[in-house]
Structure formats: structure tokens, C-alpha cells
Amino acid sequence: QVRLVESGGGLVQPGGSLRLSCAVSGSIFSINVMGWYRQAPGKQRHLVALISSGVRTHYADSVKGRFTISRDNAKNTAYLQMNSLKPEDTALYYCTADVPRDNSDTVRDRYWGQGTQVTVSS
């Protein structure tokens, strides 16, 4: 069983910063891509950022230059550093981890965390 636990969310004023963490635990050979998604009330879930096992990154246009995704493979943990936060960044943030079913890495399962709330408001 693979489990993802996010932390670090909270209430912050516009222009402030937060750092989210996502710890992965369970029976895993390795973790391929890790990512962060967000869902605002009444809206669809959207990709925020992705990071490969080789630390290549991809960002949504709305967060480029403000957010930084990183990972610590030794700790099976991903991070999302969020700077210059805006009210429109308010959402429930979810972490994902693509985990190979075996060493061949031919099939991967995507696991999701339960989310951590980020609220940007004055």
C-alpha cells in the first residue's frame, strides 16, 4: 500500500510564501514522476508542477517564476515552494506520485494524497 501525506498548507497574505511537502511511504521500488495539482472551489483540478526522477521540471504558466518544485529521492519526498502568492492561488493542493509496479517500470500507478489547503487572503 502506497500512501502520500501532504503538509505545509495554511493561510497566508498576498505576496507571502508557503512550502508544501509530500511524503510517500509504503512498498515501492522507486518513484518516477511526482507532481502537484490544485483544485479551487467549484473548479476543475489543474496541474501545477511536475518533476521527474531525473529532476526535469514542468510548470503551469500561471505559476512559472513563482513556484519551485523539488524532490529528495532519499526521503521519497517532494516539495513545492510557493512565493509571491496571489488570492487566485487559493485551492486544495494535491500531491501525486507515479510508482512502477515492478523493476521493469513498464506499468506505473498514480497515487494521490488527500490534499492540503492553501488560502491566500488579507
Protein backbone atom coordinates (compact mmCIF):
# COMPACT_ATOMS: atom_id res chain seq x y z
CA GLN A 1 0.00 0.00 0.00
CA VAL A 2 1.34 3.39 -1.03
CA ARG A 3 0.48 6.45 1.00
CA LEU A 4 1.05 10.13 0.27
CA VAL A 5 0.82 12.71 3.03
CA GLU A 6 0.89 16.41 2.23
CA SER A 7 1.71 19.13 4.73
CA GLY A 8 2.57 22.81 4.87
CA GLY A 9 -0.67 24.40 3.78
CA GLY A 10 -2.27 27.28 5.59
CA LEU A 11 -3.43 30.89 5.47
CA VAL A 12 -1.04 33.46 4.05
CA GLN A 13 -1.34 37.06 2.94
CA PRO A 14 -0.92 38.05 -0.70
CA GLY A 15 2.76 38.25 -1.56
CA GLY A 16 3.65 35.71 1.07
CA SER A 17 5.24 32.29 0.79
CA LEU A 18 4.49 28.70 1.75
CA ARG A 19 6.35 25.44 1.33
CA LEU A 20 4.36 22.28 0.79
CA SER A 21 5.77 18.82 1.44
CA CYS A 22 4.62 15.42 0.22
CA ALA A 23 5.98 12.30 1.85
CA VAL A 24 5.49 8.94 0.14
CA SER A 25 5.53 5.72 2.14
CA GLY A 26 4.77 2.06 1.51
CA SER A 27 6.04 -0.81 -0.59
CA ILE A 28 7.65 0.88 -3.56
CA PHE A 29 10.59 0.07 -5.82
CA SER A 30 11.03 3.65 -6.86
CA ILE A 31 9.07 6.78 -7.68
CA ASN A 32 9.03 8.14 -11.19
CA VAL A 33 7.23 11.44 -11.74
CA MET A 34 5.95 13.40 -8.77
CA GLY A 35 3.58 16.29 -9.12
CA TRP A 36 1.35 18.88 -7.56
CA TYR A 37 -2.20 19.66 -8.64
CA ARG A 38 -4.72 22.09 -7.23
CA GLN A 39 -8.45 22.48 -7.17
CA ALA A 40 -10.25 25.68 -6.27
CA PRO A 41 -13.86 25.56 -5.01
CA GLY A 42 -16.27 24.90 -7.87
CA LYS A 43 -13.47 24.42 -10.39
CA GLN A 44 -11.66 21.53 -12.02
CA ARG A 45 -8.40 20.15 -10.75
CA HIS A 46 -5.39 21.54 -12.62
CA LEU A 47 -1.73 20.67 -12.89
CA VAL A 48 0.63 22.97 -11.01
CA ALA A 49 4.04 21.36 -11.45
CA LEU A 50 5.76 18.06 -12.22
CA ILE A 51 9.23 16.73 -11.51
CA SER A 52 10.78 13.60 -12.99
CA SER A 53 13.12 11.22 -11.22
CA GLY A 54 15.87 12.95 -13.14
CA VAL A 55 14.66 16.28 -11.74
CA ARG A 56 13.34 17.69 -15.00
CA THR A 57 10.51 20.06 -14.19
CA HIS A 58 7.35 21.38 -15.80
CA TYR A 59 5.15 24.21 -14.57
CA ALA A 60 1.76 25.60 -15.35
CA ASP A 61 2.07 29.04 -16.93
CA SER A 62 0.19 30.60 -14.04
CA VAL A 63 2.92 29.67 -11.53
CA LYS A 64 6.11 29.95 -13.59
CA GLY A 65 8.66 32.13 -11.86
CA ARG A 66 6.81 31.98 -8.53
CA PHE A 67 6.66 28.28 -7.64
CA THR A 68 9.52 25.77 -7.50
CA ILE A 69 9.07 22.02 -7.34
CA SER A 70 11.85 19.84 -5.94
CA ARG A 71 12.33 16.37 -4.51
CA ASP A 72 14.53 14.41 -2.16
CA ASN A 73 14.71 10.89 -3.55
CA ALA A 74 16.38 9.54 -0.42
CA LYS A 75 13.37 10.66 1.61
CA ASN A 76 10.73 9.88 -1.05
CA THR A 77 9.53 13.43 -0.59
CA ALA A 78 8.52 16.21 -2.95
CA TYR A 79 8.28 19.88 -2.17
CA LEU A 80 6.53 22.90 -3.64
CA GLN A 81 7.99 26.27 -2.71
CA MET A 82 5.37 28.92 -3.40
CA ASN A 83 6.41 32.57 -3.46
CA SER A 84 4.59 35.78 -4.34
CA LEU A 85 1.29 34.09 -3.60
CA LYS A 86 -1.89 35.56 -5.03
CA PRO A 87 -5.53 35.14 -3.97
CA GLU A 88 -6.10 33.11 -7.12
CA ASP A 89 -3.63 30.53 -5.80
CA THR A 90 -6.19 29.62 -3.15
CA ALA A 91 -7.03 25.94 -3.57
CA LEU A 92 -6.71 22.46 -2.20
CA TYR A 93 -3.28 21.24 -3.28
CA TYR A 94 -2.78 17.56 -4.06
CA CYS A 95 0.45 15.62 -4.44
CA THR A 96 0.87 12.74 -6.88
CA ALA A 97 3.44 10.00 -7.27
CA ASP A 98 3.82 7.67 -10.27
CA VAL A 99 5.07 4.37 -8.88
CA PRO A 100 6.28 1.47 -11.06
CA ARG A 101 4.62 -1.86 -10.25
CA ASP A 102 7.96 -3.67 -10.57
CA ASN A 103 11.56 -3.18 -11.58
CA SER A 104 10.73 -3.31 -15.28
CA ASP A 105 8.95 0.06 -14.94
CA THR A 106 6.58 -0.90 -17.77
CA VAL A 107 3.44 -0.10 -15.78
CA ARG A 108 3.05 2.69 -13.28
CA ASP A 109 0.26 3.53 -10.89
CA ARG A 110 -0.54 7.12 -9.97
CA TYR A 111 -1.23 7.71 -6.32
CA TRP A 112 -2.81 10.81 -4.83
CA GLY A 113 -2.62 12.43 -1.46
CA GLN A 114 -5.65 13.77 0.36
CA GLY A 115 -4.69 17.39 -0.16
CA THR A 116 -3.58 20.37 1.88
CA GLN A 117 -5.47 23.66 1.86
CA VAL A 118 -3.75 26.86 0.79
CA THR A 119 -5.64 30.10 1.35
CA VAL A 120 -4.24 33.43 0.20
CA SER A 121 -6.15 36.32 1.71
CA SER A 122 -5.59 39.58 3.50
